[in-house]
Amino acid sequence: MNAGESGTVLKRERVRDHILELMESLNPGDAIPSERSLCAALHVSRPTLRAAVDELVAAGRLVREHGRGMFVAPEKITQELVSDRRAMVVPRASGAWTSRLLEFTTIAAGARVGRKLHLSPAADIVYVARLRLVDGAPMAIEHLHIPASLVPALTAQELETGDLYEHLHDRHGVRVSEAVQTIEPTVVSQAEAKILGVPHLSPALLFERLTSDTNGQAVEYVHSIYRGDRYRIVTRLTLGLSAGDEQATPAQSFPGIPPGAFPQQEAVVLTAQGDVHADR
């Protein structure tokens, strides 16, 4: 991907975040500003704006009505993946995971990301877009947002090789403790389809995660698009055990989940399908 294409990824991302920020102050069914006014406010072209809006429509966040405009979509039904009585252990996914950088820069957090990370909108964050591959095949696109003050010496090599959370711990003194993650179905945009090598509007999974350190400080906000044709989620539950019968499960890591996060709970197995062998 050349510099022009990677810059487009970031511009579309900022437009998307601005629209989501607007939506947070609205109710389902409320209209959002017209394309003309949004283009003027954000200083972007109409194709760039429409690309971001199309992604939100396909993801079920906006509804477009011909001749009327764009409206906030109805709220989605939320269901807990596991109970709140135990913590979650995520075994390592099968296959060899690698990363390739699409974007790596320092930008202002903005209102939405700043609020998630408890930062001023003007505070600097490290923004990273990277392609995640399994055995060399594209599997996911990750968008990472990390407070710049925590990782002043973060390098491209750390983002492409090894485990990022180990790098944060060993090289930057950031000790991750827990993460809250949501998962919902979506479809890929044209740009995402090109990067992942799948047809436009192919099914996908949207992961959003907020990671905190041992002091409870937010250290990372991530949202990722995983291929629906190559990825699945399996929930393994242990039922009927008393507290004394439970055995500790060794902490392992999964791409996108801090090592050791959520110890001693129902195991949630996230596995890749297709050419990548799923756990059985």
Protein backbone atom coordinates (compact mmCIF):
# COMPACT_ATOMS: atom_id res chain seq x y z
CA MET A 1 0.00 0.00 0.00
CA ASN A 2 1.46 3.38 -0.99
CA ALA A 3 1.40 6.61 1.02
CA GLY A 4 -1.67 7.92 -0.80
CA GLU A 5 -3.72 4.79 -0.07
CA SER A 6 -2.66 4.69 3.59
CA GLY A 7 -3.54 8.38 3.97
CA THR A 8 -7.01 7.61 2.61
CA VAL A 9 -7.42 4.90 5.26
CA LEU A 10 -6.68 7.42 8.01
CA LYS A 11 -8.92 10.17 6.51
CA ARG A 12 -11.87 7.78 6.20
CA GLU A 13 -11.24 6.63 9.77
CA ARG A 14 -11.39 10.19 11.09
CA VAL A 15 -14.62 10.87 9.16
CA ARG A 16 -16.12 7.67 10.59
CA ASP A 17 -15.13 8.70 14.14
CA HIS A 18 -16.67 12.16 13.67
CA ILE A 19 -20.00 10.69 12.54
CA LEU A 20 -20.00 8.21 15.44
CA GLU A 21 -19.31 11.13 17.78
CA LEU A 22 -22.37 12.93 16.41
CA MET A 23 -24.48 9.80 16.81
CA GLU A 24 -23.63 9.47 20.50
CA SER A 25 -25.66 12.64 21.22
CA LEU A 26 -28.63 11.45 19.14
CA ASN A 27 -31.37 8.89 19.60
CA PRO A 28 -32.35 6.05 17.25
CA GLY A 29 -34.33 7.49 14.34
CA ASP A 30 -32.74 10.97 14.61
CA ALA A 31 -31.33 12.47 11.42
CA ILE A 32 -27.64 13.29 11.03
CA PRO A 33 -26.44 16.35 9.06
CA SER A 34 -26.56 16.24 5.27
CA GLU A 35 -23.61 15.09 3.16
CA ARG A 36 -23.04 18.68 2.02
CA SER A 37 -22.76 20.06 5.55
CA LEU A 38 -20.60 17.17 6.74
CA CYS A 39 -18.20 17.62 3.82
CA ALA A 40 -17.91 21.33 4.61
CA ALA A 41 -17.38 20.73 8.33
CA LEU A 42 -14.77 18.00 7.84
CA HIS A 43 -13.08 19.46 4.74
CA VAL A 44 -13.34 16.18 2.85
CA SER A 45 -14.64 15.22 -0.58
CA ARG A 46 -18.07 13.69 -1.05
CA PRO A 47 -16.61 10.30 -2.17
CA THR A 48 -14.56 10.11 1.05
CA LEU A 49 -17.60 10.97 3.15
CA ARG A 50 -19.82 8.51 1.31
CA ALA A 51 -17.25 5.73 1.78
CA ALA A 52 -17.37 6.27 5.55
CA VAL A 53 -21.17 6.54 5.57
CA ASP A 54 -21.50 3.37 3.46
CA GLU A 55 -19.43 1.48 6.04
CA LEU A 56 -21.70 2.68 8.87
CA VAL A 57 -24.83 1.79 6.87
CA ALA A 58 -23.47 -1.69 6.10
CA ALA A 59 -22.55 -2.14 9.77
CA GLY A 60 -26.09 -1.29 10.83
CA ARG A 61 -25.15 1.97 12.59
CA LEU A 62 -26.91 4.30 10.10
CA VAL A 63 -30.02 4.00 7.92
CA ARG A 64 -30.13 5.81 4.57
CA GLU A 65 -33.58 6.70 3.24
CA HIS A 66 -33.76 7.84 -0.39
CA GLY A 67 -34.88 11.45 -0.65
CA ARG A 68 -34.96 11.96 3.13
CA GLY A 69 -31.39 11.61 4.39
CA MET A 70 -29.48 9.53 6.90
CA PHE A 71 -30.73 8.45 10.30
CA VAL A 72 -29.37 6.78 13.43
CA ALA A 73 -30.22 3.07 13.23
CA PRO A 74 -32.27 1.29 15.92
CA GLU A 75 -30.31 0.06 18.92
CA LYS A 76 -28.90 -3.45 18.76
CA ILE A 77 -29.70 -6.19 21.25
CA THR A 78 -26.73 -6.81 23.55
CA GLN A 79 -26.02 -10.23 25.06
CA GLU A 80 -23.24 -11.19 27.47
CA LEU A 81 -20.79 -13.71 26.01
CA VAL A 82 -19.96 -15.19 29.43
CA SER A 83 -21.32 -14.87 32.94
CA ASP A 84 -19.82 -12.35 35.35
CA ARG A 85 -18.94 -14.94 37.98
CA ARG A 86 -15.64 -15.98 36.54
CA ALA A 87 -13.00 -14.38 34.34
CA MET A 88 -12.28 -15.37 30.79
CA VAL A 89 -9.24 -17.27 29.52
CA VAL A 90 -8.54 -17.04 25.81
CA PRO A 91 -6.33 -19.88 24.48
CA ARG A 92 -3.95 -19.16 21.65
CA ALA A 93 -5.47 -19.35 18.18
CA SER A 94 -4.01 -21.82 15.75
CA GLY A 95 -1.74 -20.80 12.89
CA ALA A 96 1.26 -18.49 12.63
CA TRP A 97 0.14 -14.87 13.20
CA THR A 98 2.11 -12.00 11.64
CA SER A 99 1.44 -8.30 11.04
CA ARG A 100 2.02 -5.80 8.23
CA LEU A 101 1.76 -2.06 8.83
CA LEU A 102 -0.72 -0.04 6.80
CA GLU A 103 -0.45 3.20 8.79
CA PHE A 104 1.75 4.37 11.70
CA THR A 105 1.56 7.98 12.82
CA THR A 106 0.93 10.36 15.73
CA ILE A 107 -2.30 12.39 15.64
CA ALA A 108 -4.66 14.23 17.99
CA ALA A 109 -7.00 11.87 19.83
CA GLY A 110 -10.20 13.67 18.86
CA ALA A 111 -13.34 13.73 21.01
CA ARG A 112 -14.48 10.12 20.65
CA VAL A 113 -11.16 8.31 21.05
CA GLY A 114 -10.06 10.85 23.68
CA ARG A 115 -13.11 10.06 25.76
CA LYS A 116 -12.46 6.33 25.55
CA LEU A 117 -8.83 6.78 26.62
CA HIS A 118 -9.68 9.53 29.15
CA LEU A 119 -7.56 12.05 27.26
CA SER A 120 -8.05 15.58 26.01
CA PRO A 121 -9.20 15.66 22.37
CA ALA A 122 -5.98 17.56 21.63
CA ALA A 123 -3.73 14.96 23.31
CA ASP A 124 -1.40 13.01 21.04
CA ILE A 125 -2.06 9.34 20.38
CA VAL A 126 -0.22 6.78 18.29
CA TYR A 127 -2.55 5.59 15.54
CA VAL A 128 -1.72 2.26 13.92
CA ALA A 129 -3.53 0.40 11.16
CA ARG A 130 -2.10 -3.06 10.55
CA LEU A 131 -3.02 -6.11 8.54
CA ARG A 132 -3.03 -9.35 10.54
CA LEU A 133 -2.16 -12.52 8.66
CA VAL A 134 -2.40 -16.20 9.56
CA ASP A 135 0.05 -18.49 7.77
CA GLY A 136 0.51 -15.63 5.29
CA ALA A 137 -3.20 -15.21 4.49
CA PRO A 138 -4.94 -11.88 5.34
CA MET A 139 -7.22 -12.36 8.33
CA ALA A 140 -8.00 -8.98 9.93
CA ILE A 141 -7.42 -5.24 9.87
CA GLU A 142 -6.68 -3.67 13.25
CA HIS A 143 -6.93 0.04 14.12
CA LEU A 144 -4.98 0.74 17.33
CA HIS A 145 -5.03 3.96 19.38
CA ILE A 146 -2.44 4.29 22.18
CA PRO A 147 -1.62 7.40 24.27
CA ALA A 148 1.61 8.74 22.78
CA SER A 149 3.02 9.52 26.23
CA LEU A 150 3.05 5.80 27.07
CA VAL A 151 5.04 4.70 24.00
CA PRO A 152 7.35 7.54 22.91
CA ALA A 153 9.83 5.06 21.43
CA LEU A 154 7.40 2.60 19.83
CA THR A 155 8.86 1.24 16.59
CA ALA A 156 7.45 -0.26 13.41
CA GLN A 157 9.35 -3.47 14.14
CA GLU A 158 7.49 -3.92 17.43
CA LEU A 159 4.19 -3.57 15.59
CA GLU A 160 5.09 -6.14 12.95
CA THR A 161 6.96 -8.79 14.96
CA GLY A 162 6.36 -10.53 18.26
CA ASP A 163 3.53 -9.92 20.71
CA LEU A 164 2.61 -6.22 21.09
CA TYR A 165 1.60 -6.61 24.75
CA GLU A 166 4.94 -8.22 25.54
CA HIS A 167 6.68 -5.28 23.85
CA LEU A 168 4.55 -2.84 25.87
CA HIS A 169 5.54 -4.64 29.07
CA ASP A 170 9.21 -5.28 28.35
CA ARG A 171 10.19 -2.11 26.46
CA HIS A 172 7.73 0.53 27.57
CA GLY A 173 6.82 -0.44 31.14
CA VAL A 174 3.10 -0.77 30.36
CA ARG A 175 1.54 -3.61 32.36
CA VAL A 176 -1.86 -4.49 30.89
CA SER A 177 -4.34 -5.96 33.32
CA GLU A 178 -7.78 -6.33 31.78
CA ALA A 179 -9.78 -5.55 28.67
CA VAL A 180 -13.44 -5.08 27.83
CA GLN A 181 -14.25 -6.31 24.33
CA THR A 182 -17.41 -6.33 22.24
CA ILE A 183 -18.03 -8.42 19.11
CA GLU A 184 -20.74 -7.88 16.52
CA PRO A 185 -21.42 -8.90 12.92
CA THR A 186 -20.71 -6.50 10.07
CA VAL A 187 -19.59 -6.52 6.42
CA VAL A 188 -16.40 -5.31 4.78
CA SER A 189 -16.17 -2.04 2.88
CA GLN A 190 -14.63 -1.82 -0.60
CA ALA A 191 -11.29 -0.69 0.84
CA GLU A 192 -11.30 -3.47 3.47
CA ALA A 193 -12.31 -6.05 0.85
CA LYS A 194 -9.31 -5.08 -1.29
CA ILE A 195 -6.89 -5.40 1.61
CA LEU A 196 -8.36 -8.69 2.89
CA GLY A 197 -8.79 -10.22 -0.57
CA VAL A 198 -12.54 -10.87 -0.24
CA PRO A 199 -15.61 -9.64 -2.16
CA HIS A 200 -17.17 -6.30 -1.22
CA LEU A 201 -19.81 -6.62 1.55
CA SER A 202 -18.50 -10.02 2.64
CA PRO A 203 -19.55 -10.92 6.22
CA ALA A 204 -17.11 -9.98 8.94
CA LEU A 205 -16.79 -9.60 12.70
CA LEU A 206 -16.22 -6.21 14.31
CA PHE A 207 -14.16 -6.33 17.50
CA GLU A 208 -13.89 -3.27 19.76
CA ARG A 209 -11.63 -3.42 22.82
CA LEU A 210 -10.56 -1.06 25.58
CA THR A 211 -7.49 -2.24 27.51
CA SER A 212 -6.44 -0.98 30.96
CA ASP A 213 -3.24 -1.30 32.97
CA THR A 214 -2.79 -2.46 36.56
CA ASN A 215 -3.69 1.04 37.80
CA GLY A 216 -6.96 1.06 35.89
CA GLN A 217 -5.67 3.56 33.31
CA ALA A 218 -6.89 3.08 29.73
CA VAL A 219 -3.83 2.30 27.62
CA GLU A 220 -5.29 1.15 24.29
CA TYR A 221 -8.46 1.40 22.24
CA VAL A 222 -8.73 -0.97 19.27
CA HIS A 223 -11.33 -1.80 16.70
CA SER A 224 -10.72 -4.58 14.23
CA ILE A 225 -12.43 -6.18 11.24
CA TYR A 226 -12.02 -9.98 11.03
CA ARG A 227 -12.99 -12.02 7.98
CA GLY A 228 -16.28 -13.84 8.53
CA ASP A 229 -15.43 -16.62 6.08
CA ARG A 230 -12.24 -17.53 7.92
CA TYR A 231 -13.02 -16.79 11.54
CA ARG A 232 -15.40 -18.10 14.17
CA ILE A 233 -15.99 -17.83 17.89
CA VAL A 234 -16.48 -20.90 20.07
CA THR A 235 -17.55 -20.56 23.69
CA ARG A 236 -16.46 -23.37 26.03
CA LEU A 237 -18.32 -23.35 29.36
CA THR A 238 -17.55 -25.30 32.51
CA LEU A 239 -20.76 -25.96 34.42
CA GLY A 240 -21.53 -27.26 37.89
CA LEU A 241 -18.09 -26.87 39.45
CA SER A 242 -17.68 -25.49 42.92
CA ALA A 243 -15.06 -22.88 43.67
CA GLY A 244 -12.84 -25.51 45.30
CA ASP A 245 -13.01 -27.80 42.27
CA GLU A 246 -11.89 -25.21 39.75
CA GLN A 247 -8.36 -25.50 38.47
CA ALA A 248 -6.39 -22.53 37.27
CA THR A 249 -5.86 -22.40 33.53
CA PRO A 250 -2.40 -21.27 32.36
CA ALA A 251 -2.52 -17.74 31.00
CA GLN A 252 -2.10 -17.70 27.23
CA SER A 253 -2.52 -15.08 24.57
CA PHE A 254 -4.60 -14.55 21.48
CA PRO A 255 -3.97 -11.94 18.79
CA GLY A 256 -5.69 -8.80 20.02
CA ILE A 257 -6.11 -9.95 23.64
CA PRO A 258 -3.59 -9.08 26.39
CA PRO A 259 -1.70 -12.15 27.70
CA GLY A 260 -3.18 -13.22 31.03
CA ALA A 261 -6.29 -11.06 30.66
CA PHE A 262 -9.36 -12.35 32.48
CA PRO A 263 -7.78 -15.26 34.42
CA GLN A 264 -9.82 -18.14 35.87
CA GLN A 265 -13.05 -17.97 33.89
CA GLU A 266 -15.00 -19.70 31.15
CA ALA A 267 -12.71 -20.21 28.20
CA VAL A 268 -13.70 -18.33 25.10
CA VAL A 269 -11.93 -19.87 22.13
CA LEU A 270 -11.41 -17.61 19.13
CA THR A 271 -10.23 -19.65 16.19
CA ALA A 272 -9.51 -19.16 12.54
CA GLN A 273 -11.32 -21.33 9.99
CA GLY A 274 -10.62 -22.51 6.46
CA ASP A 275 -6.94 -23.14 5.82
CA VAL A 276 -6.23 -22.38 9.46
CA HIS A 277 -7.02 -25.39 11.66
CA ALA A 278 -9.55 -24.64 14.37
CA ASP A 279 -9.17 -25.99 17.90
CA ARG A 280 -11.06 -29.22 18.42
